[in-house]
Amino acid sequence: MQAGKRLGVLGGMGPLASAQFMLRLTLLTPAERDQDHIPAVLWSDPRVPDRTKGRLEGAEDPLPWLLAGIAGLRQAGCDAIAIPCNTAHGWYEPMREAAGVPVLHIVDAAAADLRRIGIAGGTIGVMGTAATLAMRLYQDRFATQGWDCVVPDPEQMRRLVSPAIAAVKANRVAEAYEPLAEVVATLAARGARAVVLGCTEIPLGIQAGPQERLAVPVVDTIDALARASIAWWKS
């Protein structure tokens, strides 16, 4: 562990997910005093254009905003960057090239969390935004590591997942649990050994209800990215 290392957090997508990431980063870090925690800078800019609309509907490109955030974090002296937004990883390569420092990949963090809970292969359910699933951020990256993915069908996305994500972004977190839990159950019935919550709003909705109702383990990508950040800090 180096005293000079500093983590940058490119957030605001959405703001509640970024705040939850900072909370979980703090709670998951083994520490006895303030000085044992990870120095971190949060760049929370909710003005970043909608990533799903930018990718699927030809709306405003979020990349210039993402690069501006990375530049701000680099100016603040950050030595690695974590991005608690799954869909933003659709622009991972240009962000990584611009950063000049490690950019922790949230899909790789989720893979590490699957292995941590003992699921090294088989079928995995993945929930996320329509853009995350359309870009196959999980499906392709997981395939190289021994997992097959099942995802919600278009009707479930329209009726359950997308409205639940929108509810969390609107601070109506409790409304998100029932539709998200229904999708977890459906993916489990289709053979998923676990479900990756591949949008950082989804764990917040899932946590708003009884966890014992979930048919299979879930991977919280906020926690997974926090663990990856801690591992980077300790390396």
C-alpha atoms as a PDB file:
ATOM      1  CA  MET A   1       0.000   0.000   0.000  1.00  0.00           C
ATOM      2  CA  GLN A   2       1.418   3.365  -1.024  1.00  0.00           C
ATOM      3  CA  ALA A   3       0.626   6.531   0.887  1.00  0.00           C
ATOM      4  CA  GLY A   4       0.500   8.544  -2.340  1.00  0.00           C
ATOM      5  CA  LYS A   5      -2.072   6.472  -4.241  1.00  0.00           C
ATOM      6  CA  ARG A   6      -5.426   8.150  -4.878  1.00  0.00           C
ATOM      7  CA  LEU A   7      -8.581   6.692  -6.441  1.00  0.00           C
ATOM      8  CA  GLY A   8     -10.708   8.702  -8.829  1.00  0.00           C
ATOM      9  CA  VAL A   9     -14.426   7.971  -9.064  1.00  0.00           C
ATOM     10  CA  LEU A  10     -16.189   9.057 -12.250  1.00  0.00           C
ATOM     11  CA  GLY A  11     -19.764   9.321 -11.045  1.00  0.00           C
ATOM     12  CA  GLY A  12     -23.078  11.098 -11.288  1.00  0.00           C
ATOM     13  CA  MET A  13     -24.545   8.278 -13.429  1.00  0.00           C
ATOM     14  CA  GLY A  14     -26.662   8.341 -11.367  1.00  0.00           C
ATOM     15  CA  PRO A  15     -25.830  10.417  -8.291  1.00  0.00           C
ATOM     16  CA  LEU A  16     -27.368   7.969  -5.806  1.00  0.00           C
ATOM     17  CA  ALA A  17     -25.350   5.070  -7.231  1.00  0.00           C
ATOM     18  CA  SER A  18     -22.158   7.145  -6.925  1.00  0.00           C
ATOM     19  CA  ALA A  19     -22.955   8.020  -3.318  1.00  0.00           C
ATOM     20  CA  GLN A  20     -23.639   4.356  -2.583  1.00  0.00           C
ATOM     21  CA  PHE A  21     -20.307   3.421  -4.159  1.00  0.00           C
ATOM     22  CA  MET A  22     -18.464   5.808  -1.841  1.00  0.00           C
ATOM     23  CA  LEU A  23     -20.362   4.379   1.146  1.00  0.00           C
ATOM     24  CA  ARG A  24     -19.576   0.790   0.204  1.00  0.00           C
ATOM     25  CA  LEU A  25     -15.946   1.613  -0.599  1.00  0.00           C
ATOM     26  CA  THR A  26     -15.650   2.947   2.934  1.00  0.00           C
ATOM     27  CA  LEU A  27     -17.519   0.101   4.648  1.00  0.00           C
ATOM     28  CA  LEU A  28     -15.711  -2.668   2.758  1.00  0.00           C
ATOM     29  CA  THR A  29     -12.229  -1.272   3.416  1.00  0.00           C
ATOM     30  CA  PRO A  30     -10.507  -2.984   6.363  1.00  0.00           C
ATOM     31  CA  ALA A  31      -9.708   0.006   8.563  1.00  0.00           C
ATOM     32  CA  GLU A  32      -9.226   0.944  12.192  1.00  0.00           C
ATOM     33  CA  ARG A  33      -8.901   4.715  11.762  1.00  0.00           C
ATOM     34  CA  ASP A  34      -9.389   7.483   9.200  1.00  0.00           C
ATOM     35  CA  GLN A  35      -5.858   7.100   7.873  1.00  0.00           C
ATOM     36  CA  ASP A  36      -6.466   3.463   6.901  1.00  0.00           C
ATOM     37  CA  HIS A  37      -9.052   4.402   4.275  1.00  0.00           C
ATOM     38  CA  ILE A  38      -8.495   4.997   0.561  1.00  0.00           C
ATOM     39  CA  PRO A  39      -7.903   8.598  -0.534  1.00  0.00           C
ATOM     40  CA  ALA A  40     -10.538   9.177  -3.191  1.00  0.00           C
ATOM     41  CA  VAL A  41     -11.914  11.978  -5.332  1.00  0.00           C
ATOM     42  CA  LEU A  42     -15.547  11.734  -6.489  1.00  0.00           C
ATOM     43  CA  TRP A  43     -16.425  13.530  -9.726  1.00  0.00           C
ATOM     44  CA  SER A  44     -20.219  13.409  -9.642  1.00  0.00           C
ATOM     45  CA  ASP A  45     -21.646  15.147 -12.695  1.00  0.00           C
ATOM     46  CA  PRO A  46     -25.282  14.204 -13.367  1.00  0.00           C
ATOM     47  CA  ARG A  47     -25.261  16.375 -16.505  1.00  0.00           C
ATOM     48  CA  VAL A  48     -23.606  13.545 -18.471  1.00  0.00           C
ATOM     49  CA  PRO A  49     -26.069  12.781 -21.289  1.00  0.00           C
ATOM     50  CA  ASP A  50     -28.110   9.608 -21.024  1.00  0.00           C
ATOM     51  CA  ARG A  51     -25.876   6.705 -22.013  1.00  0.00           C
ATOM     52  CA  THR A  52     -28.693   4.464 -23.251  1.00  0.00           C
ATOM     53  CA  LYS A  53     -30.227   7.166 -25.437  1.00  0.00           C
ATOM     54  CA  GLY A  54     -26.806   8.108 -26.739  1.00  0.00           C
ATOM     55  CA  ARG A  55     -26.051   4.550 -27.784  1.00  0.00           C
ATOM     56  CA  LEU A  56     -29.449   3.314 -28.990  1.00  0.00           C
ATOM     57  CA  GLU A  57     -31.276   6.445 -30.146  1.00  0.00           C
ATOM     58  CA  GLY A  58     -28.534   8.643 -31.579  1.00  0.00           C
ATOM     59  CA  ALA A  59     -28.988  11.252 -28.834  1.00  0.00           C
ATOM     60  CA  GLU A  60     -26.162  13.433 -27.487  1.00  0.00           C
ATOM     61  CA  ASP A  61     -22.857  11.599 -27.172  1.00  0.00           C
ATOM     62  CA  PRO A  62     -21.817  11.243 -23.518  1.00  0.00           C
ATOM     63  CA  LEU A  63     -18.142  10.643 -24.369  1.00  0.00           C
ATOM     64  CA  PRO A  64     -16.995  14.304 -24.238  1.00  0.00           C
ATOM     65  CA  TRP A  65     -18.518  14.573 -20.769  1.00  0.00           C
ATOM     66  CA  LEU A  66     -16.910  11.325 -19.650  1.00  0.00           C
ATOM     67  CA  LEU A  67     -13.528  12.495 -20.915  1.00  0.00           C
ATOM     68  CA  ALA A  68     -13.957  15.840 -19.152  1.00  0.00           C
ATOM     69  CA  GLY A  69     -14.544  13.984 -15.893  1.00  0.00           C
ATOM     70  CA  ILE A  70     -11.482  11.827 -16.437  1.00  0.00           C
ATOM     71  CA  ALA A  71      -9.399  14.937 -17.143  1.00  0.00           C
ATOM     72  CA  GLY A  72     -10.638  16.495 -13.907  1.00  0.00           C
ATOM     73  CA  LEU A  73      -9.741  13.389 -11.919  1.00  0.00           C
ATOM     74  CA  ARG A  74      -6.284  13.260 -13.487  1.00  0.00           C
ATOM     75  CA  GLN A  75      -5.762  16.932 -12.626  1.00  0.00           C
ATOM     76  CA  ALA A  76      -6.696  16.023  -9.050  1.00  0.00           C
ATOM     77  CA  GLY A  77      -3.828  13.542  -9.004  1.00  0.00           C
ATOM     78  CA  CYS A  78      -5.792  10.283  -9.223  1.00  0.00           C
ATOM     79  CA  ASP A  79      -3.787   7.143  -9.997  1.00  0.00           C
ATOM     80  CA  ALA A  80      -6.682   4.886 -11.047  1.00  0.00           C
ATOM     81  CA  ILE A  81     -10.317   5.470 -11.962  1.00  0.00           C
ATOM     82  CA  ALA A  82     -13.461   3.563 -11.041  1.00  0.00           C
ATOM     83  CA  ILE A  83     -16.718   4.226 -12.886  1.00  0.00           C
ATOM     84  CA  PRO A  84     -19.850   3.116 -10.959  1.00  0.00           C
ATOM     85  CA  CYS A  85     -21.989   3.083 -14.105  1.00  0.00           C
ATOM     86  CA  ASN A  86     -22.190  -0.068 -16.196  1.00  0.00           C
ATOM     87  CA  THR A  87     -23.462   1.499 -19.422  1.00  0.00           C
ATOM     88  CA  ALA A  88     -20.635   4.058 -19.438  1.00  0.00           C
ATOM     89  CA  HIS A  89     -18.283   1.122 -19.996  1.00  0.00           C
ATOM     90  CA  GLY A  90     -19.533   1.053 -23.570  1.00  0.00           C
ATOM     91  CA  TRP A  91     -17.003   3.869 -24.029  1.00  0.00           C
ATOM     92  CA  TYR A  92     -14.310   2.084 -22.018  1.00  0.00           C
ATOM     93  CA  GLU A  93     -11.535   2.043 -24.623  1.00  0.00           C
ATOM     94  CA  PRO A  94     -11.461   5.792 -25.382  1.00  0.00           C
ATOM     95  CA  MET A  95     -11.720   6.529 -21.659  1.00  0.00           C
ATOM     96  CA  ARG A  96      -8.859   4.158 -20.865  1.00  0.00           C
ATOM     97  CA  GLU A  97      -6.696   5.665 -23.594  1.00  0.00           C
ATOM     98  CA  ALA A  98      -7.400   9.202 -22.371  1.00  0.00           C
ATOM     99  CA  ALA A  99      -6.836   8.377 -18.713  1.00  0.00           C
ATOM    100  CA  GLY A 100      -3.237   7.212 -18.917  1.00  0.00           C
ATOM    101  CA  VAL A 101      -3.826   5.360 -15.627  1.00  0.00           C
ATOM    102  CA  PRO A 102      -5.695   2.130 -14.871  1.00  0.00           C
ATOM    103  CA  VAL A 103      -9.460   2.302 -15.384  1.00  0.00           C
ATOM    104  CA  LEU A 104     -11.033  -0.519 -13.389  1.00  0.00           C
ATOM    105  CA  HIS A 105     -13.543  -2.444 -15.526  1.00  0.00           C
ATOM    106  CA  ILE A 106     -16.842  -3.089 -13.772  1.00  0.00           C
ATOM    107  CA  VAL A 107     -17.518  -6.297 -15.744  1.00  0.00           C
ATOM    108  CA  ASP A 108     -14.187  -7.758 -14.644  1.00  0.00           C
ATOM    109  CA  ALA A 109     -15.048  -6.718 -11.077  1.00  0.00           C
ATOM    110  CA  ALA A 110     -18.361  -8.583 -11.346  1.00  0.00           C
ATOM    111  CA  ALA A 111     -16.527 -11.650 -12.673  1.00  0.00           C
ATOM    112  CA  ALA A 112     -14.193 -11.563  -9.683  1.00  0.00           C
ATOM    113  CA  ASP A 113     -17.207 -11.346  -7.377  1.00  0.00           C
ATOM    114  CA  LEU A 114     -18.804 -14.391  -9.036  1.00  0.00           C
ATOM    115  CA  ARG A 115     -15.634 -16.351  -8.381  1.00  0.00           C
ATOM    116  CA  ARG A 116     -15.554 -15.016  -4.819  1.00  0.00           C
ATOM    117  CA  ILE A 117     -18.955 -16.589  -4.120  1.00  0.00           C
ATOM    118  CA  GLY A 118     -17.899 -19.850  -5.740  1.00  0.00           C
ATOM    119  CA  ILE A 119     -19.517 -19.605  -9.187  1.00  0.00           C
ATOM    120  CA  ALA A 120     -16.752 -20.300 -11.672  1.00  0.00           C
ATOM    121  CA  GLY A 121     -18.839 -21.316 -14.692  1.00  0.00           C
ATOM    122  CA  GLY A 122     -22.298 -22.155 -15.993  1.00  0.00           C
ATOM    123  CA  THR A 123     -25.229 -19.896 -16.758  1.00  0.00           C
ATOM    124  CA  ILE A 124     -25.445 -16.410 -15.273  1.00  0.00           C
ATOM    125  CA  GLY A 125     -28.357 -14.006 -15.446  1.00  0.00           C
ATOM    126  CA  VAL A 126     -27.540 -10.395 -16.282  1.00  0.00           C
ATOM    127  CA  MET A 127     -29.798  -7.419 -15.679  1.00  0.00           C
ATOM    128  CA  GLY A 128     -28.908  -3.976 -16.969  1.00  0.00           C
ATOM    129  CA  THR A 129     -29.983  -1.084 -19.112  1.00  0.00           C
ATOM    130  CA  ALA A 130     -31.132  -1.770 -22.646  1.00  0.00           C
ATOM    131  CA  ALA A 131     -27.854  -0.308 -23.932  1.00  0.00           C
ATOM    132  CA  THR A 132     -25.664  -2.425 -21.640  1.00  0.00           C
ATOM    133  CA  LEU A 133     -27.376  -5.565 -22.901  1.00  0.00           C
ATOM    134  CA  ALA A 134     -27.432  -4.426 -26.550  1.00  0.00           C
ATOM    135  CA  MET A 135     -23.689  -3.663 -26.426  1.00  0.00           C
ATOM    136  CA  ARG A 136     -23.143  -7.147 -24.942  1.00  0.00           C
ATOM    137  CA  LEU A 137     -20.824  -5.721 -22.307  1.00  0.00           C
ATOM    138  CA  TYR A 138     -21.389  -8.761 -20.099  1.00  0.00           C
ATOM    139  CA  GLN A 139     -22.277 -11.446 -22.610  1.00  0.00           C
ATOM    140  CA  ASP A 140     -19.056 -11.188 -24.615  1.00  0.00           C
ATOM    141  CA  ARG A 141     -16.675 -10.510 -21.740  1.00  0.00           C
ATOM    142  CA  PHE A 142     -18.159 -13.300 -19.621  1.00  0.00           C
ATOM    143  CA  ALA A 143     -18.017 -15.787 -22.500  1.00  0.00           C
ATOM    144  CA  THR A 144     -14.231 -15.566 -22.478  1.00  0.00           C
ATOM    145  CA  GLN A 145     -14.230 -16.464 -18.769  1.00  0.00           C
ATOM    146  CA  GLY A 146     -16.475 -19.533 -18.870  1.00  0.00           C
ATOM    147  CA  TRP A 147     -19.988 -18.185 -18.291  1.00  0.00           C
ATOM    148  CA  ASP A 148     -23.040 -18.176 -20.548  1.00  0.00           C
ATOM    149  CA  CYS A 149     -25.500 -15.329 -20.038  1.00  0.00           C
ATOM    150  CA  VAL A 150     -29.273 -15.139 -20.034  1.00  0.00           C
ATOM    151  CA  VAL A 151     -30.893 -11.705 -20.063  1.00  0.00           C
ATOM    152  CA  PRO A 152     -34.437 -10.362 -19.673  1.00  0.00           C
ATOM    153  CA  ASP A 153     -36.577 -10.509 -22.776  1.00  0.00           C
ATOM    154  CA  PRO A 154     -37.624  -7.237 -24.472  1.00  0.00           C
ATOM    155  CA  GLU A 155     -41.040  -7.271 -22.803  1.00  0.00           C
ATOM    156  CA  GLN A 156     -39.483  -7.596 -19.341  1.00  0.00           C
ATOM    157  CA  MET A 157     -37.081  -4.788 -20.162  1.00  0.00           C
ATOM    158  CA  ARG A 158     -39.921  -2.519 -21.242  1.00  0.00           C
ATOM    159  CA  ARG A 159     -42.338  -3.409 -18.452  1.00  0.00           C
ATOM    160  CA  LEU A 160     -40.078  -4.151 -15.475  1.00  0.00           C
ATOM    161  CA  VAL A 161     -36.352  -3.393 -15.695  1.00  0.00           C
ATOM    162  CA  SER A 162     -36.269   0.004 -17.387  1.00  0.00           C
ATOM    163  CA  PRO A 163     -39.095   1.461 -15.230  1.00  0.00           C
ATOM    164  CA  ALA A 164     -37.372   0.156 -12.077  1.00  0.00           C
ATOM    165  CA  ILE A 165     -34.093   1.822 -13.046  1.00  0.00           C
ATOM    166  CA  ALA A 166     -35.982   5.068 -13.742  1.00  0.00           C
ATOM    167  CA  ALA A 167     -37.700   4.839 -10.351  1.00  0.00           C
ATOM    168  CA  VAL A 168     -34.348   4.642  -8.537  1.00  0.00           C
ATOM    169  CA  LYS A 169     -33.019   7.601 -10.510  1.00  0.00           C
ATOM    170  CA  ALA A 170     -36.135   9.530  -9.416  1.00  0.00           C
ATOM    171  CA  ASN A 171     -35.501   8.621  -5.729  1.00  0.00           C
ATOM    172  CA  ARG A 172     -38.506   6.272  -5.670  1.00  0.00           C
ATOM    173  CA  VAL A 173     -36.291   3.385  -4.645  1.00  0.00           C
ATOM    174  CA  ALA A 174     -38.899   1.281  -2.869  1.00  0.00           C
ATOM    175  CA  GLU A 175     -40.974   1.018  -6.068  1.00  0.00           C
ATOM    176  CA  ALA A 176     -38.136  -0.791  -7.830  1.00  0.00           C
ATOM    177  CA  TYR A 177     -37.973  -3.934  -5.701  1.00  0.00           C
ATOM    178  CA  GLU A 178     -41.001  -5.909  -6.907  1.00  0.00           C
ATOM    179  CA  PRO A 179     -40.330  -5.663 -10.664  1.00  0.00           C
ATOM    180  CA  LEU A 180     -36.622  -6.391 -10.210  1.00  0.00           C
ATOM    181  CA  ALA A 181     -37.266  -9.374  -7.935  1.00  0.00           C
ATOM    182  CA  GLU A 182     -39.674 -10.745 -10.549  1.00  0.00           C
ATOM    183  CA  VAL A 183     -36.942 -10.594 -13.187  1.00  0.00           C
ATOM    184  CA  VAL A 184     -34.435 -12.310 -10.878  1.00  0.00           C
ATOM    185  CA  ALA A 185     -36.946 -15.145 -10.417  1.00  0.00           C
ATOM    186  CA  THR A 186     -37.497 -15.449 -14.170  1.00  0.00           C
ATOM    187  CA  LEU A 187     -33.765 -15.607 -14.898  1.00  0.00           C
ATOM    188  CA  ALA A 188     -33.318 -18.230 -12.177  1.00  0.00           C
ATOM    189  CA  ALA A 189     -36.107 -20.293 -13.760  1.00  0.00           C
ATOM    190  CA  ARG A 190     -34.192 -20.105 -17.035  1.00  0.00           C
ATOM    191  CA  GLY A 191     -31.173 -21.724 -15.409  1.00  0.00           C
ATOM    192  CA  ALA A 192     -29.184 -18.828 -13.978  1.00  0.00           C
ATOM    193  CA  ARG A 193     -26.995 -19.884 -11.053  1.00  0.00           C
ATOM    194  CA  ALA A 194     -26.685 -16.232 -10.010  1.00  0.00           C
ATOM    195  CA  VAL A 195     -27.798 -12.858 -11.350  1.00  0.00           C
ATOM    196  CA  VAL A 196     -25.450  -9.952 -11.951  1.00  0.00           C
ATOM    197  CA  LEU A 197     -27.094  -6.621 -11.202  1.00  0.00           C
ATOM    198  CA  GLY A 198     -25.422  -4.935 -14.154  1.00  0.00           C
ATOM    199  CA  CYS A 199     -26.730  -1.422 -13.640  1.00  0.00           C
ATOM    200  CA  THR A 200     -25.716   0.439 -10.501  1.00  0.00           C
ATOM    201  CA  GLU A 201     -29.318   1.540  -9.863  1.00  0.00           C
ATOM    202  CA  ILE A 202     -30.511  -2.080  -9.732  1.00  0.00           C
ATOM    203  CA  PRO A 203     -28.745  -3.076  -6.467  1.00  0.00           C
ATOM    204  CA  LEU A 204     -30.388  -0.109  -4.753  1.00  0.00           C
ATOM    205  CA  GLY A 205     -33.815  -1.326  -5.846  1.00  0.00           C
ATOM    206  CA  ILE A 206     -33.094  -4.938  -4.901  1.00  0.00           C
ATOM    207  CA  GLN A 207     -31.914  -3.882  -1.443  1.00  0.00           C
ATOM    208  CA  ALA A 208     -35.241  -2.129  -0.836  1.00  0.00           C
ATOM    209  CA  GLY A 209     -37.044  -5.444  -0.294  1.00  0.00           C
ATOM    210  CA  PRO A 210     -36.641  -8.844   1.390  1.00  0.00           C
ATOM    211  CA  GLN A 211     -33.483 -10.577   0.226  1.00  0.00           C
ATOM    212  CA  GLU A 212     -34.764 -14.013   1.261  1.00  0.00           C
ATOM    213  CA  ARG A 213     -37.275 -13.852  -1.616  1.00  0.00           C
ATOM    214  CA  LEU A 214     -34.513 -13.907  -4.210  1.00  0.00           C
ATOM    215  CA  ALA A 215     -34.221 -17.333  -5.800  1.00  0.00           C
ATOM    216  CA  VAL A 216     -30.452 -17.195  -6.459  1.00  0.00           C
ATOM    217  CA  PRO A 217     -27.449 -15.164  -5.283  1.00  0.00           C
ATOM    218  CA  VAL A 218     -27.026 -11.730  -6.829  1.00  0.00           C
ATOM    219  CA  VAL A 219     -23.833  -9.838  -7.608  1.00  0.00           C
ATOM    220  CA  ASP A 220     -24.025  -6.163  -6.663  1.00  0.00           C
ATOM    221  CA  THR A 221     -21.804  -4.355  -9.177  1.00  0.00           C
ATOM    222  CA  ILE A 222     -21.397  -1.409  -6.794  1.00  0.00           C
ATOM    223  CA  ASP A 223     -19.872  -3.715  -4.184  1.00  0.00           C
ATOM    224  CA  ALA A 224     -17.887  -5.597  -6.836  1.00  0.00           C
ATOM    225  CA  LEU A 225     -16.315  -2.377  -8.117  1.00  0.00           C
ATOM    226  CA  ALA A 226     -15.607  -1.266  -4.548  1.00  0.00           C
ATOM    227  CA  ARG A 227     -13.793  -4.556  -3.887  1.00  0.00           C
ATOM    228  CA  ALA A 228     -11.805  -4.147  -7.115  1.00  0.00           C
ATOM    229  CA  SER A 229     -10.855  -0.638  -6.021  1.00  0.00           C
ATOM    230  CA  ILE A 230      -9.673  -1.920  -2.645  1.00  0.00           C
ATOM    231  CA  ALA A 231      -7.652  -4.645  -4.369  1.00  0.00           C
ATOM    232  CA  TRP A 232      -6.015  -2.001  -6.590  1.00  0.00           C
ATOM    233  CA  TRP A 233      -5.194   0.107  -3.534  1.00  0.00           C
ATOM    234  CA  LYS A 234      -3.603  -2.812  -1.747  1.00  0.00           C
ATOM    235  CA  SER A 235      -1.602  -3.971  -4.771  1.00  0.00           C
END
